[in-house]
Amino acid sequence: MDEFLDGSRAQPRSTTLLLAIFSSIALVIAIVGIYGVMSYSVAQRRAELGVRIALGAEKADILRLVVGQGVGLTAIGIVLGLAVAFPLTRLMSTFLYKVTAYDVTTFVLGPLVFIVIGMLASYLPARRATQISPTEALRGSV
């Protein structure tokens, strides 16, 4: 009987494990993607940020500008993700145990986690943007 029960649980357990692995990989790809886009954006806008600093922008203003851009991109991704997730939850409902397909906790906690990840992933490029020397930024852009 124990072998029968183990056999009946093996397929859902392996499916859940695969979903967890793919979800983790997707989360890492999202973090690296946001970081990469923000780093590239800061590198492309080096002269502009240098001019802003030369004209008196505070480091907090530059930090807020770059992190705000990262959070904005993250918010667009969240809206698109939720637009795709709602219709696909019916397909996933067969894998769920003691959770409804439209679980409020999942649809609230998930986007909040991604907003925090977007803020953290764009913070490092934003910090680097505050260290830009106006003279070097303008000299390098010519």
N, C-alpha and C. Protein backbone atom coordinates (compact mmCIF):
# COMPACT_ATOMS: atom_id res chain seq x y z
N MET A 1 0.82 -1.19 0.00
CA MET A 1 0.00 0.00 0.00
C MET A 1 0.87 1.26 0.00
N ASP A 2 1.99 1.22 0.75
CA ASP A 2 2.90 2.38 0.77
C ASP A 2 3.47 2.65 -0.62
N GLU A 3 3.81 1.59 -1.35
CA GLU A 3 4.34 1.77 -2.71
C GLU A 3 3.29 2.39 -3.63
N PHE A 4 2.05 1.97 -3.47
CA PHE A 4 0.97 2.51 -4.28
C PHE A 4 0.78 4.01 -3.99
N LEU A 5 0.80 4.38 -2.71
CA LEU A 5 0.65 5.79 -2.35
C LEU A 5 1.83 6.61 -2.85
N ASP A 6 3.05 6.07 -2.72
CA ASP A 6 4.23 6.79 -3.23
C ASP A 6 4.14 6.98 -4.74
N GLY A 7 3.68 5.95 -5.42
CA GLY A 7 3.53 6.03 -6.87
C GLY A 7 2.49 7.04 -7.29
N SER A 8 1.40 7.13 -6.53
CA SER A 8 0.35 8.08 -6.88
C SER A 8 0.76 9.52 -6.60
N ARG A 9 1.70 9.71 -5.69
CA ARG A 9 2.18 11.07 -5.37
C ARG A 9 3.38 11.50 -6.21
N ALA A 10 4.00 10.59 -6.90
CA ALA A 10 5.25 10.89 -7.61
C ALA A 10 5.03 11.88 -8.74
N GLN A 11 3.99 11.68 -9.54
CA GLN A 11 3.77 12.56 -10.68
C GLN A 11 3.43 13.99 -10.26
N PRO A 12 2.50 14.21 -9.32
CA PRO A 12 2.25 15.60 -8.90
C PRO A 12 3.46 16.23 -8.21
N ARG A 13 4.22 15.42 -7.47
CA ARG A 13 5.40 15.95 -6.79
C ARG A 13 6.45 16.38 -7.80
N SER A 14 6.68 15.59 -8.85
CA SER A 14 7.67 15.97 -9.85
C SER A 14 7.20 17.18 -10.65
N THR A 15 5.90 17.26 -10.92
CA THR A 15 5.37 18.44 -11.62
C THR A 15 5.55 19.69 -10.78
N THR A 16 5.30 19.59 -9.49
CA THR A 16 5.48 20.73 -8.60
C THR A 16 6.95 21.12 -8.51
N LEU A 17 7.83 20.15 -8.46
CA LEU A 17 9.26 20.43 -8.41
C LEU A 17 9.72 21.14 -9.68
N LEU A 18 9.24 20.67 -10.83
CA LEU A 18 9.60 21.32 -12.09
C LEU A 18 9.08 22.75 -12.14
N LEU A 19 7.85 22.96 -11.69
CA LEU A 19 7.30 24.33 -11.67
C LEU A 19 8.11 25.23 -10.74
N ALA A 20 8.54 24.70 -9.60
CA ALA A 20 9.35 25.50 -8.68
C ALA A 20 10.70 25.84 -9.29
N ILE A 21 11.32 24.89 -9.98
CA ILE A 21 12.62 25.13 -10.62
C ILE A 21 12.47 26.18 -11.71
N PHE A 22 11.45 26.02 -12.57
CA PHE A 22 11.26 26.99 -13.66
C PHE A 22 10.88 28.37 -13.12
N SER A 23 10.12 28.41 -12.05
CA SER A 23 9.78 29.70 -11.44
C SER A 23 11.01 30.39 -10.89
N SER A 24 11.89 29.63 -10.26
CA SER A 24 13.13 30.20 -9.72
C SER A 24 14.02 30.73 -10.84
N ILE A 25 14.12 29.97 -11.91
CA ILE A 25 14.91 30.41 -13.06
C ILE A 25 14.31 31.69 -13.66
N ALA A 26 12.99 31.75 -13.77
CA ALA A 26 12.33 32.95 -14.29
C ALA A 26 12.58 34.15 -13.41
N LEU A 27 12.60 33.94 -12.09
CA LEU A 27 12.86 35.03 -11.16
C LEU A 27 14.29 35.56 -11.33
N VAL A 28 15.25 34.66 -11.47
CA VAL A 28 16.64 35.07 -11.67
C VAL A 28 16.79 35.81 -13.00
N ILE A 29 16.13 35.31 -14.04
CA ILE A 29 16.19 35.98 -15.34
C ILE A 29 15.58 37.37 -15.26
N ALA A 30 14.50 37.52 -14.51
CA ALA A 30 13.88 38.83 -14.35
C ALA A 30 14.82 39.80 -13.63
N ILE A 31 15.48 39.32 -12.58
CA ILE A 31 16.42 40.17 -11.84
C ILE A 31 17.56 40.60 -12.75
N VAL A 32 18.16 39.65 -13.45
CA VAL A 32 19.29 39.96 -14.33
C VAL A 32 18.83 40.87 -15.47
N GLY A 33 17.63 40.65 -15.98
CA GLY A 33 17.12 41.48 -17.06
C GLY A 33 16.91 42.92 -16.64
N ILE A 34 16.28 43.12 -15.49
CA ILE A 34 16.06 44.49 -15.01
C ILE A 34 17.40 45.17 -14.74
N TYR A 35 18.31 44.44 -14.11
CA TYR A 35 19.63 45.01 -13.83
C TYR A 35 20.35 45.37 -15.14
N GLY A 36 20.30 44.49 -16.12
CA GLY A 36 20.97 44.75 -17.39
C GLY A 36 20.39 45.93 -18.13
N VAL A 37 19.07 46.03 -18.17
CA VAL A 37 18.43 47.15 -18.85
C VAL A 37 18.77 48.46 -18.16
N MET A 38 18.75 48.45 -16.83
CA MET A 38 19.06 49.68 -16.10
C MET A 38 20.53 50.07 -16.24
N SER A 39 21.42 49.10 -16.22
CA SER A 39 22.84 49.40 -16.41
C SER A 39 23.09 49.98 -17.79
N TYR A 40 22.47 49.40 -18.79
CA TYR A 40 22.61 49.90 -20.16
C TYR A 40 22.03 51.30 -20.28
N SER A 41 20.88 51.53 -19.67
CA SER A 41 20.25 52.84 -19.71
C SER A 41 21.13 53.91 -19.07
N VAL A 42 21.72 53.57 -17.92
CA VAL A 42 22.61 54.52 -17.24
C VAL A 42 23.83 54.80 -18.10
N ALA A 43 24.38 53.78 -18.74
CA ALA A 43 25.55 53.97 -19.59
C ALA A 43 25.20 54.86 -20.79
N GLN A 44 24.03 54.68 -21.38
CA GLN A 44 23.61 55.48 -22.52
C GLN A 44 23.31 56.92 -22.13
N ARG A 45 22.85 57.11 -20.92
CA ARG A 45 22.45 58.45 -20.45
C ARG A 45 23.53 59.13 -19.62
N ARG A 46 24.75 58.64 -19.71
CA ARG A 46 25.85 59.16 -18.90
C ARG A 46 26.03 60.67 -19.07
N ALA A 47 26.00 61.14 -20.31
CA ALA A 47 26.19 62.58 -20.55
C ALA A 47 25.02 63.37 -19.96
N GLU A 48 23.81 62.88 -20.18
CA GLU A 48 22.64 63.58 -19.64
C GLU A 48 22.71 63.66 -18.12
N LEU A 49 23.04 62.55 -17.47
CA LEU A 49 23.13 62.54 -16.02
C LEU A 49 24.27 63.45 -15.53
N GLY A 50 25.36 63.48 -16.30
CA GLY A 50 26.46 64.38 -15.96
C GLY A 50 26.04 65.84 -16.03
N VAL A 51 25.25 66.20 -17.04
CA VAL A 51 24.75 67.57 -17.18
C VAL A 51 23.80 67.89 -16.02
N ARG A 52 22.95 66.95 -15.68
CA ARG A 52 22.03 67.18 -14.56
C ARG A 52 22.80 67.44 -13.27
N ILE A 53 23.86 66.65 -13.04
CA ILE A 53 24.67 66.84 -11.84
C ILE A 53 25.39 68.19 -11.90
N ALA A 54 25.90 68.55 -13.10
CA ALA A 54 26.59 69.84 -13.26
C ALA A 54 25.66 71.02 -13.03
N LEU A 55 24.39 70.84 -13.36
CA LEU A 55 23.43 71.93 -13.18
C LEU A 55 22.83 71.97 -11.78
N GLY A 56 23.29 71.08 -10.92
CA GLY A 56 22.89 71.16 -9.53
C GLY A 56 21.94 70.08 -9.03
N ALA A 57 21.73 69.06 -9.81
CA ALA A 57 20.86 67.98 -9.34
C ALA A 57 21.54 67.26 -8.17
N GLU A 58 20.78 67.01 -7.15
CA GLU A 58 21.30 66.28 -5.99
C GLU A 58 21.41 64.80 -6.34
N LYS A 59 22.26 64.11 -5.58
CA LYS A 59 22.42 62.68 -5.79
C LYS A 59 21.11 61.94 -5.56
N ALA A 60 20.32 62.42 -4.61
CA ALA A 60 19.02 61.80 -4.35
C ALA A 60 18.09 61.94 -5.55
N ASP A 61 18.19 63.08 -6.27
CA ASP A 61 17.35 63.27 -7.46
C ASP A 61 17.73 62.29 -8.57
N ILE A 62 19.02 62.09 -8.77
CA ILE A 62 19.50 61.15 -9.78
C ILE A 62 19.11 59.73 -9.39
N LEU A 63 19.27 59.41 -8.11
CA LEU A 63 18.91 58.09 -7.61
C LEU A 63 17.42 57.83 -7.83
N ARG A 64 16.60 58.81 -7.49
CA ARG A 64 15.15 58.69 -7.65
C ARG A 64 14.77 58.56 -9.13
N LEU A 65 15.45 59.29 -10.01
CA LEU A 65 15.17 59.23 -11.44
C LEU A 65 15.44 57.84 -12.00
N VAL A 66 16.59 57.28 -11.68
CA VAL A 66 16.97 55.98 -12.24
C VAL A 66 16.15 54.85 -11.62
N VAL A 67 15.98 54.87 -10.30
CA VAL A 67 15.18 53.83 -9.65
C VAL A 67 13.72 53.93 -10.10
N GLY A 68 13.23 55.14 -10.27
CA GLY A 68 11.86 55.33 -10.77
C GLY A 68 11.67 54.75 -12.15
N GLN A 69 12.68 54.90 -13.00
CA GLN A 69 12.60 54.31 -14.33
C GLN A 69 12.57 52.79 -14.24
N GLY A 70 13.38 52.23 -13.36
CA GLY A 70 13.40 50.78 -13.17
C GLY A 70 12.08 50.26 -12.63
N VAL A 71 11.51 50.96 -11.68
CA VAL A 71 10.22 50.56 -11.11
C VAL A 71 9.11 50.70 -12.16
N GLY A 72 9.21 51.72 -13.00
CA GLY A 72 8.23 51.89 -14.07
C GLY A 72 8.25 50.73 -15.06
N LEU A 73 9.46 50.32 -15.45
CA LEU A 73 9.58 49.15 -16.34
C LEU A 73 9.07 47.89 -15.66
N THR A 74 9.35 47.76 -14.37
CA THR A 74 8.87 46.60 -13.62
C THR A 74 7.34 46.60 -13.55
N ALA A 75 6.76 47.76 -13.35
CA ALA A 75 5.29 47.86 -13.28
C ALA A 75 4.65 47.47 -14.61
N ILE A 76 5.26 47.86 -15.71
CA ILE A 76 4.74 47.46 -17.03
C ILE A 76 4.79 45.94 -17.16
N GLY A 77 5.89 45.35 -16.73
CA GLY A 77 6.02 43.90 -16.77
C GLY A 77 4.99 43.20 -15.88
N ILE A 78 4.73 43.78 -14.73
CA ILE A 78 3.73 43.20 -13.82
C ILE A 78 2.34 43.24 -14.44
N VAL A 79 1.99 44.37 -15.04
CA VAL A 79 0.67 44.49 -15.66
C VAL A 79 0.53 43.48 -16.80
N LEU A 80 1.56 43.36 -17.63
CA LEU A 80 1.51 42.38 -18.72
C LEU A 80 1.45 40.96 -18.18
N GLY A 81 2.21 40.68 -17.13
CA GLY A 81 2.20 39.36 -16.52
C GLY A 81 0.85 39.00 -15.93
N LEU A 82 0.22 39.94 -15.25
CA LEU A 82 -1.10 39.69 -14.69
C LEU A 82 -2.15 39.50 -15.78
N ALA A 83 -1.99 40.23 -16.88
CA ALA A 83 -2.93 40.08 -17.99
C ALA A 83 -2.84 38.69 -18.61
N VAL A 84 -1.66 38.10 -18.59
CA VAL A 84 -1.49 36.74 -19.10
C VAL A 84 -1.85 35.71 -18.04
N ALA A 85 -1.57 36.02 -16.78
CA ALA A 85 -1.77 35.04 -15.70
C ALA A 85 -3.24 34.75 -15.44
N PHE A 86 -4.08 35.76 -15.48
CA PHE A 86 -5.49 35.53 -15.17
C PHE A 86 -6.13 34.49 -16.09
N PRO A 87 -5.97 34.59 -17.41
CA PRO A 87 -6.59 33.57 -18.26
C PRO A 87 -5.94 32.17 -18.11
N LEU A 88 -4.66 32.13 -17.79
CA LEU A 88 -3.97 30.84 -17.70
C LEU A 88 -4.18 30.11 -16.38
N THR A 89 -4.80 30.75 -15.41
CA THR A 89 -4.98 30.07 -14.12
C THR A 89 -5.93 28.89 -14.21
N ARG A 90 -6.84 28.91 -15.17
CA ARG A 90 -7.73 27.75 -15.34
C ARG A 90 -6.94 26.51 -15.71
N LEU A 91 -5.92 26.67 -16.54
CA LEU A 91 -5.09 25.53 -16.92
C LEU A 91 -4.30 24.99 -15.73
N MET A 92 -3.88 25.89 -14.86
CA MET A 92 -3.06 25.50 -13.70
C MET A 92 -3.90 24.98 -12.54
N SER A 93 -5.20 25.17 -12.58
CA SER A 93 -6.03 24.82 -11.43
C SER A 93 -5.99 23.33 -11.10
N THR A 94 -5.67 22.47 -12.06
CA THR A 94 -5.59 21.04 -11.77
C THR A 94 -4.37 20.70 -10.91
N PHE A 95 -3.35 21.56 -10.90
CA PHE A 95 -2.14 21.32 -10.11
C PHE A 95 -2.26 21.85 -8.68
N LEU A 96 -3.27 22.62 -8.41
CA LEU A 96 -3.38 23.29 -7.12
C LEU A 96 -4.06 22.40 -6.08
N TYR A 97 -3.57 22.49 -4.87
CA TYR A 97 -4.14 21.72 -3.77
C TYR A 97 -4.44 22.67 -2.63
N LYS A 98 -5.70 22.74 -2.24
CA LYS A 98 -6.16 23.62 -1.16
C LYS A 98 -5.90 25.10 -1.45
N VAL A 99 -5.85 25.45 -2.72
CA VAL A 99 -5.68 26.85 -3.12
C VAL A 99 -6.61 27.07 -4.31
N THR A 100 -7.30 28.19 -4.30
CA THR A 100 -8.16 28.49 -5.44
C THR A 100 -7.32 29.00 -6.61
N ALA A 101 -7.89 28.93 -7.79
CA ALA A 101 -7.17 29.36 -8.98
C ALA A 101 -6.87 30.86 -8.94
N TYR A 102 -7.78 31.62 -8.38
CA TYR A 102 -7.58 33.07 -8.30
C TYR A 102 -7.28 33.45 -6.85
N ASP A 103 -6.21 32.90 -6.33
CA ASP A 103 -5.80 33.15 -4.95
C ASP A 103 -5.34 34.60 -4.80
N VAL A 104 -6.00 35.32 -3.93
CA VAL A 104 -5.70 36.75 -3.74
C VAL A 104 -4.27 36.95 -3.23
N THR A 105 -3.85 36.08 -2.32
CA THR A 105 -2.50 36.22 -1.77
C THR A 105 -1.45 36.13 -2.88
N THR A 106 -1.62 35.19 -3.78
CA THR A 106 -0.66 35.02 -4.88
C THR A 106 -0.66 36.23 -5.80
N PHE A 107 -1.83 36.71 -6.15
CA PHE A 107 -1.92 37.82 -7.09
C PHE A 107 -1.61 39.17 -6.46
N VAL A 108 -1.46 39.22 -5.15
CA VAL A 108 -1.02 40.45 -4.48
C VAL A 108 0.45 40.35 -4.09
N LEU A 109 0.82 39.22 -3.51
CA LEU A 109 2.19 39.05 -3.03
C LEU A 109 3.20 38.97 -4.19
N GLY A 110 2.83 38.29 -5.26
CA GLY A 110 3.72 38.17 -6.42
C GLY A 110 4.15 39.52 -6.99
N PRO A 111 3.20 40.38 -7.34
CA PRO A 111 3.59 41.70 -7.85
C PRO A 111 4.39 42.54 -6.84
N LEU A 112 4.06 42.42 -5.55
CA LEU A 112 4.83 43.15 -4.55
C LEU A 112 6.28 42.68 -4.52
N VAL A 113 6.48 41.38 -4.63
CA VAL A 113 7.85 40.83 -4.65
C VAL A 113 8.59 41.37 -5.87
N PHE A 114 7.93 41.41 -7.02
CA PHE A 114 8.59 41.92 -8.22
C PHE A 114 8.86 43.41 -8.15
N ILE A 115 8.02 44.18 -7.49
CA ILE A 115 8.31 45.61 -7.31
C ILE A 115 9.57 45.78 -6.46
N VAL A 116 9.67 45.01 -5.38
CA VAL A 116 10.87 45.08 -4.52
C VAL A 116 12.11 44.65 -5.31
N ILE A 117 11.98 43.59 -6.09
CA ILE A 117 13.10 43.13 -6.91
C ILE A 117 13.48 44.20 -7.93
N GLY A 118 12.50 44.84 -8.54
CA GLY A 118 12.79 45.92 -9.49
C GLY A 118 13.51 47.08 -8.83
N MET A 119 13.12 47.40 -7.60
CA MET A 119 13.80 48.48 -6.88
C MET A 119 15.25 48.10 -6.56
N LEU A 120 15.45 46.89 -6.10
CA LEU A 120 16.80 46.44 -5.75
C LEU A 120 17.69 46.30 -6.99
N ALA A 121 17.13 45.77 -8.08
CA ALA A 121 17.92 45.57 -9.29
C ALA A 121 18.28 46.88 -9.95
N SER A 122 17.51 47.92 -9.76
CA SER A 122 17.84 49.21 -10.36
C SER A 122 18.61 50.12 -9.39
N TYR A 123 18.75 49.71 -8.14
CA TYR A 123 19.45 50.55 -7.18
C TYR A 123 20.95 50.62 -7.48
N LEU A 124 21.57 49.50 -7.84
CA LEU A 124 23.02 49.50 -8.10
C LEU A 124 23.38 50.39 -9.30
N PRO A 125 22.70 50.28 -10.44
CA PRO A 125 22.98 51.24 -11.52
C PRO A 125 22.68 52.69 -11.11
N ALA A 126 21.68 52.88 -10.27
CA ALA A 126 21.36 54.24 -9.82
C ALA A 126 22.48 54.79 -8.95
N ARG A 127 23.03 53.95 -8.08
CA ARG A 127 24.17 54.38 -7.25
C ARG A 127 25.35 54.74 -8.13
N ARG A 128 25.57 53.94 -9.18
CA ARG A 128 26.67 54.21 -10.10
C ARG A 128 26.42 55.53 -10.84
N ALA A 129 25.16 55.83 -11.12
CA ALA A 129 24.83 57.08 -11.81
C ALA A 129 25.12 58.29 -10.94
N THR A 130 24.99 58.15 -9.63
CA THR A 130 25.26 59.28 -8.75
C THR A 130 26.75 59.57 -8.64
N GLN A 131 27.58 58.64 -9.04
CA GLN A 131 29.03 58.82 -8.94
C GLN A 131 29.64 59.41 -10.21
N ILE A 132 28.80 59.72 -11.20
CA ILE A 132 29.29 60.26 -12.47
C ILE A 132 29.87 61.65 -12.25
N SER A 133 31.07 61.85 -12.75
CA SER A 133 31.69 63.17 -12.70
C SER A 133 31.20 63.97 -13.91
N PRO A 134 30.70 65.15 -13.70
CA PRO A 134 30.16 65.94 -14.84
C PRO A 134 31.21 66.21 -15.91
N THR A 135 32.43 66.51 -15.53
CA THR A 135 33.45 66.82 -16.53
C THR A 135 33.80 65.58 -17.35
N GLU A 136 33.95 64.45 -16.70
CA GLU A 136 34.26 63.22 -17.44
C GLU A 136 33.10 62.78 -18.33
N ALA A 137 31.89 62.95 -17.86
CA ALA A 137 30.71 62.57 -18.64
C ALA A 137 30.61 63.43 -19.90
N LEU A 138 30.85 64.73 -19.76
CA LEU A 138 30.77 65.62 -20.91
C LEU A 138 31.95 65.44 -21.84
N ARG A 139 33.13 65.18 -21.31
CA ARG A 139 34.30 64.95 -22.12
C ARG A 139 34.16 63.65 -22.92
N GLY A 140 33.58 62.64 -22.31
CA GLY A 140 33.44 61.34 -22.98
C GLY A 140 32.35 61.33 -24.02
N SER A 141 31.41 62.28 -23.97
CA SER A 141 30.29 62.27 -24.91
C SER A 141 30.60 62.99 -26.22
N VAL A 142 31.71 63.71 -26.27
CA VAL A 142 32.05 64.47 -27.48
C VAL A 142 32.62 63.58 -28.53
